[in-house]
PDB file of all heavy atoms in Angstrom:
ATOM      1  N   SER A   1     -17.418 -16.346   4.631  1.00  0.00           N
ATOM      2  CA  SER A   1     -17.188 -15.482   5.791  1.00  0.00           C
ATOM      3  C   SER A   1     -15.733 -15.575   6.252  1.00  0.00           C
ATOM      4  O   SER A   1     -15.117 -14.569   6.610  1.00  0.00           O
ATOM      5  CB  SER A   1     -18.112 -15.866   6.940  1.00  0.00           C
ATOM      6  OG  SER A   1     -19.440 -15.664   6.579  1.00  0.00           O
ATOM      7  N   SER A   2     -15.178 -16.764   6.237  1.00  0.00           N
ATOM      8  CA  SER A   2     -13.777 -16.951   6.629  1.00  0.00           C
ATOM      9  C   SER A   2     -12.846 -16.230   5.657  1.00  0.00           C
ATOM     10  O   SER A   2     -11.885 -15.569   6.065  1.00  0.00           O
ATOM     11  CB  SER A   2     -13.429 -18.432   6.676  1.00  0.00           C
ATOM     12  OG  SER A   2     -14.194 -19.091   7.637  1.00  0.00           O
ATOM     13  N   ILE A   3     -13.135 -16.364   4.363  1.00  0.00           N
ATOM     14  CA  ILE A   3     -12.303 -15.692   3.356  1.00  0.00           C
ATOM     15  C   ILE A   3     -12.409 -14.179   3.509  1.00  0.00           C
ATOM     16  O   ILE A   3     -11.409 -13.465   3.485  1.00  0.00           O
ATOM     17  CB  ILE A   3     -12.709 -16.146   1.932  1.00  0.00           C
ATOM     18  CG1 ILE A   3     -12.329 -17.610   1.724  1.00  0.00           C
ATOM     19  CG2 ILE A   3     -12.064 -15.267   0.874  1.00  0.00           C
ATOM     20  CD1 ILE A   3     -12.843 -18.203   0.425  1.00  0.00           C
ATOM     21  N   LEU A   4     -13.614 -13.685   3.690  1.00  0.00           N
ATOM     22  CA  LEU A   4     -13.827 -12.257   3.868  1.00  0.00           C
ATOM     23  C   LEU A   4     -13.114 -11.753   5.123  1.00  0.00           C
ATOM     24  O   LEU A   4     -12.482 -10.697   5.119  1.00  0.00           O
ATOM     25  CB  LEU A   4     -15.330 -11.952   3.940  1.00  0.00           C
ATOM     26  CG  LEU A   4     -15.702 -10.475   4.053  1.00  0.00           C
ATOM     27  CD1 LEU A   4     -15.216  -9.706   2.835  1.00  0.00           C
ATOM     28  CD2 LEU A   4     -17.202 -10.329   4.207  1.00  0.00           C
ATOM     29  N   GLY A   5     -13.175 -12.507   6.199  1.00  0.00           N
ATOM     30  CA  GLY A   5     -12.479 -12.145   7.435  1.00  0.00           C
ATOM     31  C   GLY A   5     -10.973 -12.100   7.231  1.00  0.00           C
ATOM     32  O   GLY A   5     -10.288 -11.203   7.731  1.00  0.00           O
ATOM     33  N   ALA A   6     -10.442 -13.080   6.505  1.00  0.00           N
ATOM     34  CA  ALA A   6      -9.001 -13.108   6.237  1.00  0.00           C
ATOM     35  C   ALA A   6      -8.579 -11.903   5.408  1.00  0.00           C
ATOM     36  O   ALA A   6      -7.527 -11.285   5.668  1.00  0.00           O
ATOM     37  CB  ALA A   6      -8.630 -14.405   5.527  1.00  0.00           C
ATOM     38  N   VAL A   7      -9.402 -11.527   4.423  1.00  0.00           N
ATOM     39  CA  VAL A   7      -9.082 -10.356   3.593  1.00  0.00           C
ATOM     40  C   VAL A   7      -9.112  -9.093   4.438  1.00  0.00           C
ATOM     41  O   VAL A   7      -8.222  -8.229   4.321  1.00  0.00           O
ATOM     42  CB  VAL A   7     -10.064 -10.272   2.394  1.00  0.00           C
ATOM     43  CG1 VAL A   7      -9.949  -8.934   1.684  1.00  0.00           C
ATOM     44  CG2 VAL A   7      -9.818 -11.409   1.426  1.00  0.00           C
ATOM     45  N   VAL A   8     -10.086  -8.977   5.305  1.00  0.00           N
ATOM     46  CA  VAL A   8     -10.187  -7.798   6.169  1.00  0.00           C
ATOM     47  C   VAL A   8      -8.982  -7.717   7.100  1.00  0.00           C
ATOM     48  O   VAL A   8      -8.382  -6.651   7.279  1.00  0.00           O
ATOM     49  CB  VAL A   8     -11.517  -7.812   6.957  1.00  0.00           C
ATOM     50  CG1 VAL A   8     -11.523  -6.770   8.061  1.00  0.00           C
ATOM     51  CG2 VAL A   8     -12.681  -7.591   6.017  1.00  0.00           C
ATOM     52  N   VAL A   9      -8.613  -8.844   7.696  1.00  0.00           N
ATOM     53  CA  VAL A   9      -7.443  -8.862   8.589  1.00  0.00           C
ATOM     54  C   VAL A   9      -6.186  -8.481   7.817  1.00  0.00           C
ATOM     55  O   VAL A   9      -5.365  -7.692   8.290  1.00  0.00           O
ATOM     56  CB  VAL A   9      -7.296 -10.247   9.260  1.00  0.00           C
ATOM     57  CG1 VAL A   9      -5.951 -10.387   9.930  1.00  0.00           C
ATOM     58  CG2 VAL A   9      -8.423 -10.467  10.259  1.00  0.00           C
ATOM     59  N   TYR A  10      -6.029  -9.015   6.616  1.00  0.00           N
ATOM     60  CA  TYR A  10      -4.863  -8.692   5.781  1.00  0.00           C
ATOM     61  C   TYR A  10      -4.815  -7.200   5.482  1.00  0.00           C
ATOM     62  O   TYR A  10      -3.769  -6.556   5.608  1.00  0.00           O
ATOM     63  CB  TYR A  10      -4.884  -9.497   4.485  1.00  0.00           C
ATOM     64  CG  TYR A  10      -3.800  -9.084   3.513  1.00  0.00           C
ATOM     65  CD1 TYR A  10      -2.489  -9.467   3.714  1.00  0.00           C
ATOM     66  CD2 TYR A  10      -4.101  -8.280   2.417  1.00  0.00           C
ATOM     67  CE1 TYR A  10      -1.487  -9.075   2.841  1.00  0.00           C
ATOM     68  CE2 TYR A  10      -3.117  -7.877   1.535  1.00  0.00           C
ATOM     69  CZ  TYR A  10      -1.805  -8.278   1.746  1.00  0.00           C
ATOM     70  OH  TYR A  10      -0.832  -7.879   0.887  1.00  0.00           O
ATOM     71  N   LEU A  11      -5.958  -6.640   5.094  1.00  0.00           N
ATOM     72  CA  LEU A  11      -5.995  -5.214   4.778  1.00  0.00           C
ATOM     73  C   LEU A  11      -5.732  -4.362   6.007  1.00  0.00           C
ATOM     74  O   LEU A  11      -5.027  -3.345   5.936  1.00  0.00           O
ATOM     75  CB  LEU A  11      -7.337  -4.846   4.135  1.00  0.00           C
ATOM     76  CG  LEU A  11      -7.568  -5.385   2.725  1.00  0.00           C
ATOM     77  CD1 LEU A  11      -8.974  -5.046   2.253  1.00  0.00           C
ATOM     78  CD2 LEU A  11      -6.528  -4.839   1.762  1.00  0.00           C
ATOM     79  N   VAL A  12      -6.286  -4.748   7.130  1.00  0.00           N
ATOM     80  CA  VAL A  12      -6.077  -3.987   8.362  1.00  0.00           C
ATOM     81  C   VAL A  12      -4.604  -4.003   8.757  1.00  0.00           C
ATOM     82  O   VAL A  12      -4.069  -3.002   9.233  1.00  0.00           O
ATOM     83  CB  VAL A  12      -6.972  -4.539   9.495  1.00  0.00           C
ATOM     84  CG1 VAL A  12      -6.545  -4.019  10.854  1.00  0.00           C
ATOM     85  CG2 VAL A  12      -8.424  -4.202   9.230  1.00  0.00           C
ATOM     86  N   LEU A  13      -3.950  -5.125   8.543  1.00  0.00           N
ATOM     87  CA  LEU A  13      -2.542  -5.233   8.925  1.00  0.00           C
ATOM     88  C   LEU A  13      -1.593  -4.647   7.878  1.00  0.00           C
ATOM     89  O   LEU A  13      -0.532  -4.138   8.221  1.00  0.00           O
ATOM     90  CB  LEU A  13      -2.172  -6.693   9.192  1.00  0.00           C
ATOM     91  CG  LEU A  13      -2.853  -7.341  10.395  1.00  0.00           C
ATOM     92  CD1 LEU A  13      -2.454  -8.801  10.502  1.00  0.00           C
ATOM     93  CD2 LEU A  13      -2.504  -6.593  11.666  1.00  0.00           C
ATOM     94  N   SER A  14      -1.958  -4.709   6.612  1.00  0.00           N
ATOM     95  CA  SER A  14      -1.011  -4.294   5.581  1.00  0.00           C
ATOM     96  C   SER A  14      -1.183  -2.855   5.111  1.00  0.00           C
ATOM     97  O   SER A  14      -0.209  -2.215   4.736  1.00  0.00           O
ATOM     98  CB  SER A  14      -1.099  -5.239   4.376  1.00  0.00           C
ATOM     99  OG  SER A  14      -2.344  -5.093   3.732  1.00  0.00           O
ATOM    100  N   VAL A  15      -2.371  -2.317   5.126  1.00  0.00           N
ATOM    101  CA  VAL A  15      -2.588  -0.949   4.627  1.00  0.00           C
ATOM    102  C   VAL A  15      -1.804   0.079   5.440  1.00  0.00           C
ATOM    103  O   VAL A  15      -1.147   0.948   4.860  1.00  0.00           O
ATOM    104  CB  VAL A  15      -4.098  -0.617   4.554  1.00  0.00           C
ATOM    105  CG1 VAL A  15      -4.324   0.857   4.306  1.00  0.00           C
ATOM    106  CG2 VAL A  15      -4.741  -1.442   3.457  1.00  0.00           C
ATOM    107  N   PRO A  16      -1.817   0.025   6.762  1.00  0.00           N
ATOM    108  CA  PRO A  16      -0.994   0.998   7.491  1.00  0.00           C
ATOM    109  C   PRO A  16       0.495   0.864   7.163  1.00  0.00           C
ATOM    110  O   PRO A  16       1.202   1.866   7.095  1.00  0.00           O
ATOM    111  CB  PRO A  16      -1.257   0.672   8.961  1.00  0.00           C
ATOM    112  CG  PRO A  16      -2.579   0.000   8.974  1.00  0.00           C
ATOM    113  CD  PRO A  16      -2.641  -0.759   7.677  1.00  0.00           C
ATOM    114  N   ASN A  17       0.967  -0.355   6.964  1.00  0.00           N
ATOM    115  CA  ASN A  17       2.366  -0.552   6.580  1.00  0.00           C
ATOM    116  C   ASN A  17       2.652   0.073   5.223  1.00  0.00           C
ATOM    117  O   ASN A  17       3.694   0.707   5.030  1.00  0.00           O
ATOM    118  CB  ASN A  17       2.718  -2.038   6.556  1.00  0.00           C
ATOM    119  CG  ASN A  17       2.807  -2.634   7.932  1.00  0.00           C
ATOM    120  OD1 ASN A  17       2.931  -1.906   8.923  1.00  0.00           O
ATOM    121  ND2 ASN A  17       2.733  -3.945   8.017  1.00  0.00           N
ATOM    122  N   ASP A  18       1.726  -0.117   4.280  1.00  0.00           N
ATOM    123  CA  ASP A  18       1.918   0.475   2.955  1.00  0.00           C
ATOM    124  C   ASP A  18       1.941   1.995   3.036  1.00  0.00           C
ATOM    125  O   ASP A  18       2.770   2.642   2.392  1.00  0.00           O
ATOM    126  CB  ASP A  18       0.813   0.023   1.992  1.00  0.00           C
ATOM    127  CG  ASP A  18       0.962  -1.430   1.557  1.00  0.00           C
ATOM    128  OD1 ASP A  18       2.090  -1.954   1.639  1.00  0.00           O
ATOM    129  OD2 ASP A  18      -0.045  -2.027   1.132  1.00  0.00           O
ATOM    130  N   LEU A  19       1.029   2.554   3.825  1.00  0.00           N
ATOM    131  CA  LEU A  19       0.977   4.014   3.954  1.00  0.00           C
ATOM    132  C   LEU A  19       2.242   4.556   4.609  1.00  0.00           C
ATOM    133  O   LEU A  19       2.812   5.559   4.169  1.00  0.00           O
ATOM    134  CB  LEU A  19      -0.255   4.424   4.757  1.00  0.00           C
ATOM    135  CG  LEU A  19      -1.614   4.136   4.096  1.00  0.00           C
ATOM    136  CD1 LEU A  19      -2.744   4.495   5.042  1.00  0.00           C
ATOM    137  CD2 LEU A  19      -1.737   4.888   2.786  1.00  0.00           C
ATOM    138  N   LYS A  20       2.693   3.895   5.655  1.00  0.00           N
ATOM    139  CA  LYS A  20       3.919   4.321   6.348  1.00  0.00           C
ATOM    140  C   LYS A  20       5.129   4.191   5.420  1.00  0.00           C
ATOM    141  O   LYS A  20       5.973   5.096   5.347  1.00  0.00           O
ATOM    142  CB  LYS A  20       4.102   3.478   7.619  1.00  0.00           C
ATOM    143  CG  LYS A  20       5.348   3.774   8.389  1.00  0.00           C
ATOM    144  CD  LYS A  20       5.311   5.140   9.016  1.00  0.00           C
ATOM    145  CE  LYS A  20       6.572   5.328   9.854  1.00  0.00           C
ATOM    146  NZ  LYS A  20       6.769   6.690  10.261  1.00  0.00           N
ATOM    147  N   ALA A  21       5.208   3.084   4.705  1.00  0.00           N
ATOM    148  CA  ALA A  21       6.325   2.871   3.780  1.00  0.00           C
ATOM    149  C   ALA A  21       6.306   3.902   2.658  1.00  0.00           C
ATOM    150  O   ALA A  21       7.356   4.418   2.258  1.00  0.00           O
ATOM    151  CB  ALA A  21       6.276   1.457   3.209  1.00  0.00           C
ATOM    152  N   ASP A  22       5.116   4.231   2.163  1.00  0.00           N
ATOM    153  CA  ASP A  22       5.017   5.250   1.114  1.00  0.00           C
ATOM    154  C   ASP A  22       5.462   6.618   1.617  1.00  0.00           C
ATOM    155  O   ASP A  22       6.152   7.353   0.898  1.00  0.00           O
ATOM    156  CB  ASP A  22       3.586   5.319   0.575  1.00  0.00           C
ATOM    157  CG  ASP A  22       3.228   4.133  -0.303  1.00  0.00           C
ATOM    158  OD1 ASP A  22       4.151   3.466  -0.821  1.00  0.00           O
ATOM    159  OD2 ASP A  22       2.014   3.873  -0.476  1.00  0.00           O
ATOM    160  N   SER A  23       5.077   6.955   2.831  1.00  0.00           N
ATOM    161  CA  SER A  23       5.501   8.258   3.370  1.00  0.00           C
ATOM    162  C   SER A  23       7.020   8.293   3.587  1.00  0.00           C
ATOM    163  O   SER A  23       7.660   9.313   3.343  1.00  0.00           O
ATOM    164  CB  SER A  23       4.759   8.578   4.658  1.00  0.00           C
ATOM    165  OG  SER A  23       5.186   7.741   5.705  1.00  0.00           O
ATOM    166  N   MET A  24       7.583   7.171   4.028  1.00  0.00           N
ATOM    167  CA  MET A  24       9.040   7.104   4.185  1.00  0.00           C
ATOM    168  C   MET A  24       9.734   7.207   2.829  1.00  0.00           C
ATOM    169  O   MET A  24      10.787   7.836   2.700  1.00  0.00           O
ATOM    170  CB  MET A  24       9.437   5.807   4.903  1.00  0.00           C
ATOM    171  CG  MET A  24       9.086   5.772   6.368  1.00  0.00           C
ATOM    172  SD  MET A  24       9.435   4.179   7.157  1.00  0.00           S
ATOM    173  CE  MET A  24      11.209   4.229   7.228  1.00  0.00           C
ATOM    174  N   MET A  25       9.129   6.629   1.806  1.00  0.00           N
ATOM    175  CA  MET A  25       9.696   6.696   0.466  1.00  0.00           C
ATOM    176  C   MET A  25       9.685   8.136  -0.049  1.00  0.00           C
ATOM    177  O   MET A  25      10.649   8.583  -0.678  1.00  0.00           O
ATOM    178  CB  MET A  25       8.913   5.764  -0.471  1.00  0.00           C
ATOM    179  CG  MET A  25       9.528   5.597  -1.814  1.00  0.00           C
ATOM    180  SD  MET A  25      11.086   4.708  -1.676  1.00  0.00           S
ATOM    181  CE  MET A  25      11.657   4.847  -3.344  1.00  0.00           C
ATOM    182  N   LYS A  26       8.606   8.869   0.218  1.00  0.00           N
ATOM    183  CA  LYS A  26       8.536  10.277  -0.184  1.00  0.00           C
ATOM    184  C   LYS A  26       9.618  11.088   0.521  1.00  0.00           C
ATOM    185  O   LYS A  26      10.258  11.952  -0.086  1.00  0.00           O
ATOM    186  CB  LYS A  26       7.154  10.851   0.120  1.00  0.00           C
ATOM    187  CG  LYS A  26       6.087  10.362  -0.815  1.00  0.00           C
ATOM    188  CD  LYS A  26       4.726  10.933  -0.453  1.00  0.00           C
ATOM    189  CE  LYS A  26       3.642  10.318  -1.321  1.00  0.00           C
ATOM    190  NZ  LYS A  26       2.293  10.772  -0.935  1.00  0.00           N
ATOM    191  N   ASP A  27       9.837  10.809   1.805  1.00  0.00           N
ATOM    192  CA  ASP A  27      10.891  11.500   2.543  1.00  0.00           C
ATOM    193  C   ASP A  27      12.262  11.204   1.941  1.00  0.00           C
ATOM    194  O   ASP A  27      13.098  12.097   1.812  1.00  0.00           O
ATOM    195  CB  ASP A  27      10.878  11.091   4.017  1.00  0.00           C
ATOM    196  CG  ASP A  27       9.671  11.636   4.766  1.00  0.00           C
ATOM    197  OD1 ASP A  27       9.037  12.575   4.261  1.00  0.00           O
ATOM    198  OD2 ASP A  27       9.374  11.101   5.856  1.00  0.00           O
TER     199      ASP A  27
END
């Protein structure tokens, strides 16, 4: 449960950054 929670927190924090960075890269 702790590992799963850490993965979820990582994804929640990093996915928006990846999406924003990708859109900036396209620009």
